[in-house]
N, C-alpha and C. Protein backbone atom coordinates (compact mmCIF):
# COMPACT_ATOMS: atom_id res chain seq x y z
N UNK A 1 107.36 -22.41 118.14
CA UNK A 1 107.24 -23.53 119.05
C UNK A 1 106.27 -23.16 120.17
N UNK A 2 105.47 -24.14 120.60
CA UNK A 2 104.46 -23.91 121.62
C UNK A 2 104.55 -25.00 122.69
N UNK A 3 103.72 -24.88 123.71
CA UNK A 3 103.74 -25.87 124.79
C UNK A 3 102.45 -26.67 124.87
N UNK A 4 101.42 -26.23 124.15
CA UNK A 4 100.14 -26.90 124.24
C UNK A 4 99.33 -26.50 125.45
N UNK A 5 99.75 -25.41 126.13
CA UNK A 5 98.99 -24.87 127.25
C UNK A 5 98.21 -23.67 126.75
N UNK A 6 96.93 -23.85 126.54
CA UNK A 6 96.09 -22.81 125.94
C UNK A 6 95.96 -21.63 126.89
N UNK A 7 96.26 -20.42 126.37
CA UNK A 7 96.22 -19.22 127.19
C UNK A 7 94.87 -18.52 127.13
N UNK A 8 94.14 -18.73 126.03
CA UNK A 8 92.88 -18.02 125.84
C UNK A 8 92.11 -18.72 124.73
N UNK A 9 90.85 -18.35 124.61
CA UNK A 9 90.08 -18.74 123.44
C UNK A 9 89.63 -17.47 122.73
N UNK A 10 89.30 -17.59 121.46
CA UNK A 10 88.84 -16.46 120.68
C UNK A 10 87.71 -16.88 119.77
N UNK A 11 86.95 -15.91 119.30
CA UNK A 11 85.82 -16.17 118.42
C UNK A 11 86.09 -15.61 117.03
N UNK A 12 85.85 -16.43 116.00
CA UNK A 12 85.99 -15.97 114.63
C UNK A 12 84.90 -14.94 114.34
N UNK A 13 85.31 -13.76 113.87
CA UNK A 13 84.33 -12.72 113.55
C UNK A 13 84.14 -12.54 112.04
N UNK A 14 85.25 -12.64 111.30
CA UNK A 14 85.14 -12.47 109.85
C UNK A 14 86.03 -13.48 109.14
N UNK A 15 85.58 -13.92 107.97
CA UNK A 15 86.37 -14.78 107.09
C UNK A 15 86.25 -14.21 105.68
N UNK A 16 87.36 -13.77 105.11
CA UNK A 16 87.34 -13.15 103.79
C UNK A 16 88.20 -13.96 102.83
N UNK A 17 87.67 -14.36 101.65
CA UNK A 17 88.48 -15.05 100.65
C UNK A 17 89.67 -14.19 100.25
N UNK A 18 90.82 -14.85 100.03
CA UNK A 18 92.03 -14.11 99.71
C UNK A 18 92.97 -14.99 98.90
N UNK A 19 93.02 -14.81 97.59
CA UNK A 19 93.95 -15.49 96.69
C UNK A 19 93.96 -17.01 96.91
N UNK A 20 92.80 -17.60 96.93
CA UNK A 20 92.69 -19.04 97.12
C UNK A 20 92.64 -19.49 98.55
N UNK A 21 93.03 -18.59 99.46
CA UNK A 21 92.96 -18.90 100.88
C UNK A 21 91.93 -18.01 101.54
N UNK A 22 92.14 -17.72 102.81
CA UNK A 22 91.22 -16.84 103.53
C UNK A 22 92.01 -15.97 104.49
N UNK A 23 91.42 -14.84 104.86
CA UNK A 23 91.92 -14.03 105.97
C UNK A 23 90.91 -14.14 107.10
N UNK A 24 91.41 -14.56 108.26
CA UNK A 24 90.56 -14.76 109.44
C UNK A 24 90.75 -13.60 110.40
N UNK A 25 89.65 -13.05 110.89
CA UNK A 25 89.70 -12.05 111.95
C UNK A 25 89.08 -12.66 113.20
N UNK A 26 89.89 -12.75 114.27
CA UNK A 26 89.46 -13.36 115.53
C UNK A 26 89.42 -12.32 116.63
N UNK A 27 88.50 -12.48 117.56
CA UNK A 27 88.44 -11.63 118.74
C UNK A 27 88.80 -12.47 119.96
N UNK A 28 90.03 -12.31 120.49
CA UNK A 28 90.39 -13.04 121.71
C UNK A 28 89.50 -12.61 122.86
N UNK A 29 89.26 -13.52 123.79
CA UNK A 29 88.38 -13.22 124.91
C UNK A 29 89.11 -12.45 126.01
N UNK A 30 90.36 -12.79 126.29
CA UNK A 30 91.12 -12.09 127.34
C UNK A 30 92.50 -11.64 126.87
N UNK A 31 93.05 -12.26 125.85
CA UNK A 31 94.39 -11.92 125.36
C UNK A 31 94.42 -10.49 124.85
N UNK A 32 95.42 -9.72 125.28
CA UNK A 32 95.54 -8.32 124.88
C UNK A 32 96.03 -8.24 123.43
N UNK A 33 95.17 -7.80 122.55
CA UNK A 33 95.49 -7.76 121.13
C UNK A 33 96.67 -6.85 120.83
N UNK A 34 96.76 -5.71 121.52
CA UNK A 34 97.83 -4.75 121.24
C UNK A 34 99.20 -5.30 121.62
N UNK A 35 99.23 -6.37 122.42
CA UNK A 35 100.51 -6.99 122.78
C UNK A 35 101.05 -7.87 121.67
N UNK A 36 100.19 -8.25 120.74
CA UNK A 36 100.61 -9.09 119.62
C UNK A 36 101.29 -8.23 118.56
N UNK A 37 102.37 -8.76 117.99
CA UNK A 37 103.12 -8.02 116.98
C UNK A 37 102.92 -8.65 115.61
N UNK A 38 102.72 -7.83 114.57
CA UNK A 38 102.65 -8.39 113.21
C UNK A 38 103.88 -9.24 112.92
N UNK A 39 103.65 -10.44 112.39
CA UNK A 39 104.75 -11.35 112.10
C UNK A 39 104.97 -12.42 113.16
N UNK A 40 104.39 -12.24 114.35
CA UNK A 40 104.59 -13.27 115.37
C UNK A 40 103.63 -14.43 115.16
N UNK A 41 103.98 -15.57 115.73
CA UNK A 41 103.19 -16.78 115.55
C UNK A 41 102.24 -16.98 116.71
N UNK A 42 101.03 -17.42 116.38
CA UNK A 42 100.02 -17.77 117.38
C UNK A 42 99.42 -19.11 116.96
N UNK A 43 99.30 -20.03 117.89
CA UNK A 43 98.65 -21.30 117.61
C UNK A 43 97.15 -21.11 117.74
N UNK A 44 96.43 -21.36 116.65
CA UNK A 44 94.97 -21.22 116.63
C UNK A 44 94.39 -22.62 116.51
N UNK A 45 93.88 -23.14 117.62
CA UNK A 45 93.42 -24.53 117.70
C UNK A 45 94.45 -25.48 117.12
N UNK A 46 95.71 -25.23 117.49
CA UNK A 46 96.79 -26.14 117.13
C UNK A 46 97.49 -25.84 115.84
N UNK A 47 97.02 -24.86 115.07
CA UNK A 47 97.64 -24.52 113.79
C UNK A 47 98.44 -23.23 113.94
N UNK A 48 99.72 -23.28 113.64
CA UNK A 48 100.57 -22.10 113.75
C UNK A 48 100.25 -21.11 112.63
N UNK A 49 99.77 -19.92 113.00
CA UNK A 49 99.44 -18.88 112.04
C UNK A 49 100.20 -17.61 112.39
N UNK A 50 100.39 -16.75 111.39
CA UNK A 50 101.16 -15.52 111.56
C UNK A 50 100.24 -14.32 111.64
N UNK A 51 100.47 -13.48 112.64
CA UNK A 51 99.69 -12.25 112.78
C UNK A 51 99.97 -11.32 111.61
N UNK A 52 98.92 -10.89 110.91
CA UNK A 52 99.10 -9.95 109.79
C UNK A 52 98.52 -8.58 110.10
N UNK A 53 97.54 -8.53 110.97
CA UNK A 53 96.94 -7.26 111.38
C UNK A 53 96.41 -7.42 112.80
N UNK A 54 96.35 -6.31 113.54
CA UNK A 54 95.66 -6.33 114.83
C UNK A 54 95.23 -4.93 115.18
N UNK A 55 94.13 -4.85 115.91
CA UNK A 55 93.59 -3.57 116.33
C UNK A 55 92.10 -3.66 116.56
N UNK A 56 91.57 -2.73 117.34
CA UNK A 56 90.14 -2.68 117.64
C UNK A 56 89.65 -4.00 118.24
N UNK A 57 90.53 -4.67 118.98
CA UNK A 57 90.14 -5.91 119.64
C UNK A 57 90.20 -7.15 118.77
N UNK A 58 90.63 -6.99 117.51
CA UNK A 58 90.69 -8.11 116.58
C UNK A 58 92.13 -8.40 116.17
N UNK A 59 92.42 -9.66 115.88
CA UNK A 59 93.70 -10.06 115.31
C UNK A 59 93.41 -10.91 114.08
N UNK A 60 94.17 -10.65 113.00
CA UNK A 60 93.91 -11.32 111.72
C UNK A 60 95.08 -12.19 111.30
N UNK A 61 94.75 -13.29 110.62
CA UNK A 61 95.72 -14.26 110.12
C UNK A 61 95.33 -14.66 108.71
N UNK A 62 96.32 -14.99 107.89
CA UNK A 62 96.06 -15.55 106.57
C UNK A 62 96.24 -17.06 106.61
N UNK A 63 95.32 -17.79 105.99
CA UNK A 63 95.42 -19.24 105.87
C UNK A 63 95.43 -19.59 104.39
N UNK A 64 96.50 -20.23 103.92
CA UNK A 64 96.65 -20.57 102.51
C UNK A 64 95.93 -21.88 102.20
N UNK A 65 95.76 -22.21 100.91
CA UNK A 65 95.03 -23.44 100.56
C UNK A 65 95.57 -24.70 101.23
N UNK A 66 96.90 -24.82 101.36
CA UNK A 66 97.48 -25.99 102.02
C UNK A 66 96.98 -26.12 103.45
N UNK A 67 96.92 -25.00 104.15
CA UNK A 67 96.44 -25.01 105.53
C UNK A 67 94.96 -25.39 105.59
N UNK A 68 94.18 -24.85 104.67
CA UNK A 68 92.75 -25.13 104.67
C UNK A 68 92.47 -26.61 104.39
N UNK A 69 93.31 -27.24 103.56
CA UNK A 69 93.07 -28.63 103.19
C UNK A 69 93.52 -29.62 104.25
N UNK A 70 94.44 -29.20 105.13
CA UNK A 70 95.02 -30.13 106.09
C UNK A 70 94.56 -29.93 107.53
N UNK A 71 93.77 -28.89 107.76
CA UNK A 71 93.33 -28.59 109.12
C UNK A 71 91.82 -28.35 109.13
N UNK A 72 91.28 -28.13 110.31
CA UNK A 72 89.85 -27.84 110.43
C UNK A 72 89.52 -26.39 110.10
N UNK A 73 90.52 -25.57 109.81
CA UNK A 73 90.27 -24.15 109.55
C UNK A 73 89.30 -23.96 108.39
N UNK A 74 89.35 -24.86 107.42
CA UNK A 74 88.46 -24.75 106.28
C UNK A 74 86.99 -24.88 106.65
N UNK A 75 86.70 -25.37 107.85
CA UNK A 75 85.30 -25.53 108.29
C UNK A 75 84.88 -24.42 109.25
N UNK A 76 85.81 -23.53 109.62
CA UNK A 76 85.47 -22.47 110.57
C UNK A 76 84.51 -21.48 109.93
N UNK A 77 83.65 -20.94 110.75
CA UNK A 77 82.68 -19.94 110.33
C UNK A 77 82.61 -18.84 111.39
N UNK A 78 82.07 -17.65 111.07
CA UNK A 78 81.87 -16.65 112.12
C UNK A 78 81.12 -17.25 113.31
N UNK A 79 81.66 -17.06 114.49
CA UNK A 79 81.08 -17.66 115.69
C UNK A 79 81.85 -18.86 116.19
N UNK A 80 82.71 -19.46 115.35
CA UNK A 80 83.53 -20.59 115.78
C UNK A 80 84.50 -20.13 116.87
N UNK A 81 84.60 -20.91 117.94
CA UNK A 81 85.52 -20.60 119.04
C UNK A 81 86.77 -21.45 118.87
N UNK A 82 87.94 -20.82 119.02
CA UNK A 82 89.21 -21.52 118.81
C UNK A 82 90.14 -21.29 120.01
N UNK A 83 91.04 -22.24 120.22
CA UNK A 83 92.05 -22.12 121.26
C UNK A 83 93.20 -21.25 120.78
N UNK A 84 93.77 -20.44 121.67
CA UNK A 84 94.86 -19.54 121.31
C UNK A 84 96.04 -19.72 122.25
N UNK A 85 97.24 -19.73 121.67
CA UNK A 85 98.48 -19.76 122.46
C UNK A 85 99.56 -19.01 121.72
N UNK A 86 100.19 -18.04 122.40
CA UNK A 86 101.33 -17.34 121.81
C UNK A 86 102.54 -18.26 121.82
N UNK A 87 103.50 -17.96 120.94
CA UNK A 87 104.69 -18.80 120.83
C UNK A 87 105.51 -18.77 122.11
N UNK A 88 106.19 -19.87 122.37
CA UNK A 88 107.03 -20.03 123.54
C UNK A 88 108.24 -19.11 123.45
N UNK A 89 108.55 -18.42 124.55
CA UNK A 89 109.76 -17.59 124.62
C UNK A 89 110.83 -18.35 125.40
N UNK A 90 112.10 -18.12 125.04
CA UNK A 90 113.19 -18.77 125.77
C UNK A 90 113.11 -18.38 127.24
N UNK A 91 113.19 -19.37 128.11
CA UNK A 91 113.09 -19.12 129.53
C UNK A 91 111.71 -19.37 130.10
N UNK A 92 110.70 -19.53 129.22
CA UNK A 92 109.35 -19.85 129.70
C UNK A 92 109.32 -21.26 130.27
N UNK A 93 108.37 -21.49 131.15
CA UNK A 93 108.17 -22.84 131.68
C UNK A 93 107.55 -23.72 130.60
N UNK A 94 108.04 -24.94 130.50
CA UNK A 94 107.48 -25.90 129.54
C UNK A 94 106.57 -26.84 130.31
N UNK A 95 105.33 -26.40 130.51
CA UNK A 95 104.41 -27.17 131.33
C UNK A 95 103.71 -28.28 130.57
N UNK A 96 103.64 -28.18 129.23
CA UNK A 96 102.99 -29.21 128.43
C UNK A 96 104.04 -30.08 127.77
N UNK A 97 104.10 -30.04 126.43
CA UNK A 97 105.19 -30.69 125.70
C UNK A 97 105.48 -29.82 124.48
N UNK A 98 106.58 -30.12 123.78
CA UNK A 98 106.96 -29.31 122.63
C UNK A 98 105.97 -29.52 121.49
N UNK A 99 105.31 -28.45 121.11
CA UNK A 99 104.29 -28.48 120.05
C UNK A 99 104.73 -27.50 118.97
N UNK A 100 104.73 -27.94 117.72
CA UNK A 100 105.20 -27.09 116.63
C UNK A 100 104.09 -26.27 115.97
N UNK A 101 102.85 -26.69 116.15
CA UNK A 101 101.78 -26.02 115.44
C UNK A 101 101.65 -26.50 114.01
N UNK A 102 102.24 -27.67 113.72
CA UNK A 102 102.16 -28.29 112.40
C UNK A 102 101.20 -29.47 112.49
N UNK A 103 100.01 -29.29 112.00
CA UNK A 103 98.96 -30.31 112.14
C UNK A 103 99.28 -31.53 111.28
N UNK A 104 99.25 -32.71 111.90
CA UNK A 104 99.54 -33.96 111.19
C UNK A 104 98.31 -34.56 110.54
N UNK A 105 97.15 -34.25 111.07
CA UNK A 105 95.93 -34.84 110.52
C UNK A 105 94.71 -34.37 111.30
N UNK A 106 93.55 -34.71 110.76
CA UNK A 106 92.28 -34.35 111.39
C UNK A 106 91.65 -35.61 111.98
N UNK A 107 91.27 -35.53 113.23
CA UNK A 107 90.58 -36.63 113.88
C UNK A 107 89.13 -36.24 114.16
N UNK A 108 88.34 -37.23 114.52
CA UNK A 108 86.94 -36.99 114.86
C UNK A 108 86.64 -37.59 116.22
N UNK A 109 85.98 -36.82 117.06
CA UNK A 109 85.57 -37.34 118.36
C UNK A 109 84.52 -38.43 118.12
N UNK A 110 84.82 -39.63 118.60
CA UNK A 110 83.93 -40.77 118.41
C UNK A 110 83.02 -40.98 119.60
N UNK A 111 83.52 -40.65 120.79
CA UNK A 111 82.72 -40.87 122.00
C UNK A 111 83.21 -39.94 123.09
N UNK A 112 82.30 -39.62 123.99
CA UNK A 112 82.63 -38.82 125.17
C UNK A 112 81.84 -39.38 126.34
N UNK A 113 82.53 -39.59 127.44
CA UNK A 113 81.83 -40.09 128.62
C UNK A 113 82.41 -39.45 129.87
N UNK A 114 81.59 -39.24 130.89
CA UNK A 114 82.08 -38.67 132.14
C UNK A 114 83.10 -39.61 132.77
N UNK A 115 84.08 -39.01 133.44
CA UNK A 115 85.08 -39.80 134.16
C UNK A 115 85.51 -39.00 135.38
N UNK A 116 84.98 -39.37 136.55
CA UNK A 116 85.25 -38.59 137.74
C UNK A 116 84.70 -37.19 137.57
N UNK A 117 85.52 -36.19 137.84
CA UNK A 117 85.13 -34.80 137.65
C UNK A 117 85.39 -34.31 136.23
N UNK A 118 86.02 -35.14 135.43
CA UNK A 118 86.36 -34.77 134.07
C UNK A 118 85.60 -35.57 133.03
N UNK A 119 86.27 -35.82 131.91
CA UNK A 119 85.64 -36.57 130.82
C UNK A 119 86.71 -37.31 130.06
N UNK A 120 86.31 -38.37 129.39
CA UNK A 120 87.22 -39.14 128.54
C UNK A 120 86.70 -39.08 127.11
N UNK A 121 87.60 -38.72 126.20
CA UNK A 121 87.26 -38.66 124.78
C UNK A 121 87.92 -39.81 124.04
N UNK A 122 87.18 -40.39 123.12
CA UNK A 122 87.75 -41.33 122.15
C UNK A 122 87.79 -40.61 120.81
N UNK A 123 88.96 -40.60 120.19
CA UNK A 123 89.17 -39.83 118.96
C UNK A 123 89.71 -40.75 117.88
N UNK A 124 89.20 -40.60 116.67
CA UNK A 124 89.70 -41.41 115.55
C UNK A 124 91.15 -41.06 115.27
N UNK A 125 91.89 -42.03 114.78
CA UNK A 125 93.33 -41.88 114.57
C UNK A 125 93.66 -42.11 113.10
N UNK A 126 94.01 -41.06 112.34
CA UNK A 126 94.37 -41.23 110.94
C UNK A 126 95.55 -42.21 110.81
N UNK A 127 95.46 -43.10 109.83
CA UNK A 127 96.47 -44.15 109.66
C UNK A 127 97.90 -43.63 109.58
N UNK A 128 98.16 -42.52 108.87
CA UNK A 128 99.55 -42.06 108.75
C UNK A 128 100.22 -41.72 110.07
N UNK A 129 99.44 -41.32 111.09
CA UNK A 129 100.08 -40.95 112.35
C UNK A 129 99.85 -41.98 113.45
N UNK A 130 99.17 -43.07 113.14
CA UNK A 130 98.91 -44.09 114.15
C UNK A 130 100.20 -44.61 114.81
N UNK A 131 101.29 -44.83 114.05
CA UNK A 131 102.52 -45.31 114.69
C UNK A 131 103.16 -44.30 115.63
N UNK A 132 102.73 -43.04 115.56
CA UNK A 132 103.35 -41.99 116.37
C UNK A 132 102.61 -41.76 117.69
N UNK A 133 101.50 -42.46 117.90
CA UNK A 133 100.67 -42.24 119.08
C UNK A 133 100.75 -43.47 119.97
N UNK A 134 101.23 -43.28 121.20
CA UNK A 134 101.43 -44.40 122.12
C UNK A 134 100.85 -44.06 123.48
N UNK A 135 100.38 -45.08 124.18
CA UNK A 135 99.86 -44.89 125.53
C UNK A 135 100.90 -44.21 126.41
N UNK A 136 100.48 -43.21 127.15
CA UNK A 136 101.31 -42.38 128.03
C UNK A 136 102.21 -41.43 127.27
N UNK A 137 102.11 -41.41 125.95
CA UNK A 137 102.82 -40.42 125.17
C UNK A 137 102.02 -39.13 125.09
N UNK A 138 102.57 -38.14 124.41
CA UNK A 138 101.91 -36.84 124.30
C UNK A 138 101.29 -36.65 122.93
N UNK A 139 100.19 -35.91 122.90
CA UNK A 139 99.55 -35.53 121.64
C UNK A 139 98.88 -34.18 121.86
N UNK A 140 98.81 -33.38 120.80
CA UNK A 140 98.10 -32.10 120.87
C UNK A 140 96.79 -32.24 120.10
N UNK A 141 95.69 -31.95 120.77
CA UNK A 141 94.36 -31.96 120.15
C UNK A 141 93.85 -30.53 120.14
N UNK A 142 93.65 -29.99 118.96
CA UNK A 142 93.27 -28.57 118.82
C UNK A 142 94.20 -27.68 119.63
N UNK A 143 95.49 -28.05 119.64
CA UNK A 143 96.49 -27.25 120.31
C UNK A 143 96.62 -27.49 121.79
N UNK A 144 95.85 -28.41 122.35
CA UNK A 144 95.89 -28.70 123.79
C UNK A 144 96.83 -29.88 124.04
N UNK A 145 97.84 -29.69 124.87
CA UNK A 145 98.76 -30.77 125.22
C UNK A 145 98.07 -31.77 126.13
N UNK A 146 98.04 -33.04 125.69
CA UNK A 146 97.35 -34.07 126.44
C UNK A 146 98.19 -35.35 126.47
N UNK A 147 97.93 -36.18 127.47
CA UNK A 147 98.58 -37.48 127.58
C UNK A 147 97.64 -38.55 127.05
N UNK A 148 98.14 -39.42 126.20
CA UNK A 148 97.33 -40.49 125.63
C UNK A 148 97.03 -41.52 126.72
N UNK A 149 95.76 -41.74 126.98
CA UNK A 149 95.35 -42.68 128.03
C UNK A 149 95.29 -44.11 127.50
N UNK A 150 94.95 -44.26 126.23
CA UNK A 150 94.90 -45.58 125.59
C UNK A 150 95.05 -45.36 124.09
N UNK A 151 95.69 -46.32 123.41
CA UNK A 151 95.92 -46.17 121.98
C UNK A 151 95.67 -47.48 121.26
N UNK A 152 94.87 -47.42 120.20
CA UNK A 152 94.64 -48.57 119.34
C UNK A 152 95.12 -48.25 117.93
N UNK A 153 94.75 -49.08 116.97
CA UNK A 153 95.17 -48.85 115.59
C UNK A 153 94.36 -47.75 114.92
N UNK A 154 93.10 -47.61 115.29
CA UNK A 154 92.23 -46.67 114.60
C UNK A 154 91.67 -45.57 115.50
N UNK A 155 91.98 -45.62 116.79
CA UNK A 155 91.49 -44.58 117.70
C UNK A 155 92.38 -44.54 118.93
N UNK A 156 92.23 -43.46 119.69
CA UNK A 156 92.95 -43.33 120.96
C UNK A 156 92.05 -42.58 121.94
N UNK A 157 92.44 -42.61 123.21
CA UNK A 157 91.64 -41.97 124.24
C UNK A 157 92.49 -40.99 125.03
N UNK A 158 91.84 -39.91 125.49
CA UNK A 158 92.48 -38.96 126.38
C UNK A 158 91.52 -38.65 127.53
N UNK A 159 92.09 -38.38 128.69
CA UNK A 159 91.29 -38.01 129.86
C UNK A 159 91.43 -36.51 130.08
N UNK A 160 90.31 -35.81 130.17
CA UNK A 160 90.30 -34.36 130.32
C UNK A 160 89.95 -33.98 131.75
N UNK A 161 90.79 -33.15 132.36
CA UNK A 161 90.51 -32.68 133.71
C UNK A 161 89.55 -31.48 133.64
N UNK A 162 88.91 -31.13 134.75
CA UNK A 162 87.97 -30.00 134.73
C UNK A 162 88.58 -28.71 134.21
N UNK A 163 89.85 -28.44 134.52
CA UNK A 163 90.49 -27.22 134.06
C UNK A 163 90.53 -27.16 132.53
N UNK A 164 90.84 -28.28 131.90
CA UNK A 164 90.86 -28.34 130.44
C UNK A 164 89.47 -28.14 129.86
N UNK A 165 88.48 -28.75 130.48
CA UNK A 165 87.11 -28.61 130.01
C UNK A 165 86.63 -27.17 130.11
N UNK A 166 87.09 -26.46 131.16
CA UNK A 166 86.61 -25.09 131.39
C UNK A 166 87.34 -24.07 130.52
N UNK A 167 88.62 -24.31 130.21
CA UNK A 167 89.44 -23.28 129.58
C UNK A 167 89.70 -23.47 128.09
N UNK A 168 89.29 -24.60 127.53
CA UNK A 168 89.56 -24.85 126.11
C UNK A 168 88.29 -25.27 125.40
N UNK A 169 88.37 -25.32 124.08
CA UNK A 169 87.21 -25.71 123.27
C UNK A 169 86.86 -27.17 123.44
N UNK A 170 87.74 -27.97 124.05
CA UNK A 170 87.43 -29.39 124.24
C UNK A 170 86.29 -29.59 125.22
N UNK A 171 85.99 -28.56 126.01
CA UNK A 171 84.86 -28.66 126.91
C UNK A 171 83.54 -28.84 126.17
N UNK A 172 83.50 -28.38 124.92
CA UNK A 172 82.28 -28.48 124.12
C UNK A 172 82.35 -29.61 123.08
N UNK A 173 83.47 -30.33 123.05
CA UNK A 173 83.63 -31.39 122.04
C UNK A 173 82.65 -32.53 122.28
N UNK A 174 81.99 -32.95 121.22
CA UNK A 174 81.00 -34.03 121.27
C UNK A 174 81.27 -34.99 120.11
N UNK A 175 80.68 -36.20 120.14
CA UNK A 175 80.84 -37.10 119.00
C UNK A 175 80.50 -36.39 117.69
N UNK A 176 81.40 -36.50 116.73
CA UNK A 176 81.23 -35.82 115.45
C UNK A 176 82.08 -34.58 115.30
N UNK A 177 82.59 -34.04 116.42
CA UNK A 177 83.46 -32.86 116.36
C UNK A 177 84.78 -33.22 115.70
N UNK A 178 85.20 -32.42 114.71
CA UNK A 178 86.49 -32.62 114.05
C UNK A 178 87.56 -31.81 114.77
N UNK A 179 88.74 -32.41 114.96
CA UNK A 179 89.81 -31.77 115.72
C UNK A 179 91.14 -31.91 114.99
N UNK A 180 92.01 -30.90 115.19
CA UNK A 180 93.36 -30.95 114.66
C UNK A 180 94.25 -31.80 115.57
N UNK A 181 95.06 -32.65 114.97
CA UNK A 181 95.95 -33.53 115.73
C UNK A 181 97.40 -33.27 115.36
N UNK A 182 98.25 -33.18 116.36
CA UNK A 182 99.69 -33.11 116.13
C UNK A 182 100.37 -34.11 117.04
N UNK A 183 101.07 -35.06 116.43
CA UNK A 183 101.79 -36.07 117.20
C UNK A 183 103.04 -35.47 117.82
N UNK A 184 103.57 -36.14 118.81
CA UNK A 184 104.80 -35.71 119.47
C UNK A 184 105.92 -35.61 118.45
N UNK A 185 106.61 -34.49 118.42
CA UNK A 185 107.67 -34.27 117.42
C UNK A 185 108.78 -35.31 117.57
N UNK A 186 109.07 -35.75 118.79
CA UNK A 186 110.12 -36.76 118.98
C UNK A 186 109.71 -38.08 118.35
N UNK A 187 108.43 -38.46 118.51
CA UNK A 187 107.95 -39.70 117.89
C UNK A 187 108.04 -39.61 116.38
N UNK A 188 107.78 -38.43 115.83
CA UNK A 188 107.85 -38.25 114.37
C UNK A 188 109.26 -38.50 113.86
N UNK A 189 110.27 -38.00 114.58
CA UNK A 189 111.65 -38.18 114.12
C UNK A 189 112.13 -39.61 114.32
N UNK A 190 111.71 -40.26 115.40
CA UNK A 190 112.08 -41.66 115.60
C UNK A 190 111.51 -42.52 114.47
N UNK A 191 110.25 -42.27 114.10
CA UNK A 191 109.62 -43.03 113.02
C UNK A 191 110.38 -42.83 111.70
N UNK A 192 110.83 -41.62 111.44
CA UNK A 192 111.56 -41.33 110.21
C UNK A 192 112.92 -42.03 110.21
N UNK A 193 113.58 -42.06 111.36
CA UNK A 193 114.86 -42.76 111.45
C UNK A 193 114.69 -44.25 111.18
N UNK A 194 113.62 -44.83 111.71
CA UNK A 194 113.36 -46.26 111.46
C UNK A 194 113.06 -46.50 109.99
N UNK A 195 112.31 -45.57 109.38
CA UNK A 195 111.97 -45.73 107.97
C UNK A 195 113.21 -45.73 107.09
N UNK A 196 114.20 -44.92 107.45
CA UNK A 196 115.40 -44.78 106.62
C UNK A 196 116.57 -45.59 107.16
N UNK A 197 116.32 -46.45 108.14
CA UNK A 197 117.40 -47.24 108.73
C UNK A 197 118.09 -48.08 107.66
N UNK A 198 119.42 -48.11 107.72
CA UNK A 198 120.21 -48.86 106.75
C UNK A 198 120.33 -50.32 107.18
N UNK A 199 119.92 -51.28 106.33
CA UNK A 199 120.07 -52.70 106.67
C UNK A 199 121.53 -53.05 106.91
N UNK A 200 121.77 -53.89 107.87
CA UNK A 200 123.14 -54.33 108.12
C UNK A 200 123.99 -53.33 108.85
N UNK A 201 123.38 -52.35 109.47
CA UNK A 201 124.15 -51.35 110.21
C UNK A 201 124.78 -52.01 111.42
N UNK A 202 126.11 -51.95 111.53
CA UNK A 202 126.80 -52.58 112.66
C UNK A 202 127.97 -51.70 113.08
N UNK A 203 128.70 -52.17 114.11
CA UNK A 203 129.79 -51.38 114.67
C UNK A 203 130.87 -51.10 113.64
N UNK A 204 131.15 -52.07 112.77
CA UNK A 204 132.21 -51.88 111.78
C UNK A 204 131.85 -50.77 110.79
N UNK A 205 130.60 -50.76 110.33
CA UNK A 205 130.19 -49.73 109.39
C UNK A 205 130.17 -48.36 110.06
N UNK A 206 129.72 -48.32 111.34
CA UNK A 206 129.72 -47.06 112.07
C UNK A 206 131.14 -46.52 112.22
N UNK A 207 132.10 -47.43 112.54
CA UNK A 207 133.49 -47.01 112.69
C UNK A 207 134.03 -46.45 111.39
N UNK A 208 133.60 -47.04 110.27
CA UNK A 208 134.05 -46.55 108.97
C UNK A 208 133.56 -45.15 108.67
N UNK A 209 132.47 -44.76 109.31
CA UNK A 209 131.93 -43.40 109.12
C UNK A 209 132.42 -42.43 110.18
N UNK A 210 133.32 -42.95 111.08
CA UNK A 210 133.90 -42.05 112.08
C UNK A 210 133.26 -42.10 113.44
N UNK A 211 132.36 -43.09 113.69
CA UNK A 211 131.70 -43.21 114.98
C UNK A 211 132.32 -44.33 115.79
N UNK A 212 132.41 -44.13 117.09
CA UNK A 212 132.90 -45.18 117.97
C UNK A 212 134.41 -45.22 118.03
N UNK A 213 134.93 -46.15 118.84
CA UNK A 213 136.37 -46.29 119.01
C UNK A 213 137.03 -46.72 117.71
N UNK A 214 138.13 -46.12 117.41
CA UNK A 214 138.85 -46.48 116.20
C UNK A 214 138.32 -45.81 114.96
N UNK A 215 137.27 -45.00 115.13
CA UNK A 215 136.70 -44.31 113.99
C UNK A 215 137.56 -43.17 113.52
N UNK A 216 137.22 -42.63 112.38
CA UNK A 216 137.97 -41.51 111.81
C UNK A 216 137.87 -40.31 112.73
N UNK A 217 138.87 -39.51 112.75
CA UNK A 217 138.91 -38.29 113.55
C UNK A 217 138.93 -37.07 112.62
């Protein structure tokens, strides 16, 4: 679990084919590599990956075919800069929102325009997650926790403050840039509950299942 507050960025140094997937070697810019433990999770531009090796300033992760097909990782090359966040520890401050590192889809930056000291991005919205994105709700773009400024059927907008532009890869995002999207986990579960809602659900049926006054004990 993550918060969507990017701690560092890193640069891809090596990509090696590995049993249908790839092994990525990244060089974090400020994150202490020796502090990372093999087996721990790190969000790499919003995708939860497991540390498999670290040393000499590099940290390596394996990405399987499923990951490559559903995220932007399949397009990464040596020199690609990615956002990095270590997993949330119990007791840490939750300054962003709950982010799982499970990418729901890939969006494309459609427009970028200055807005005050920051910038506003318009991003395409894949149809499967459109119902999960609402104005003033939360969304993670390349692992960055952001508030949705406006939402339509096929696109949404976010406002980026100078701090976000300076500390994350979104500072370089331009029309045509592909980004990983993760909808709010709470919205995902609400949508699933509505999808599986039982027609005719009422107090009597709930009581028969043990809910409410007079229900089974």
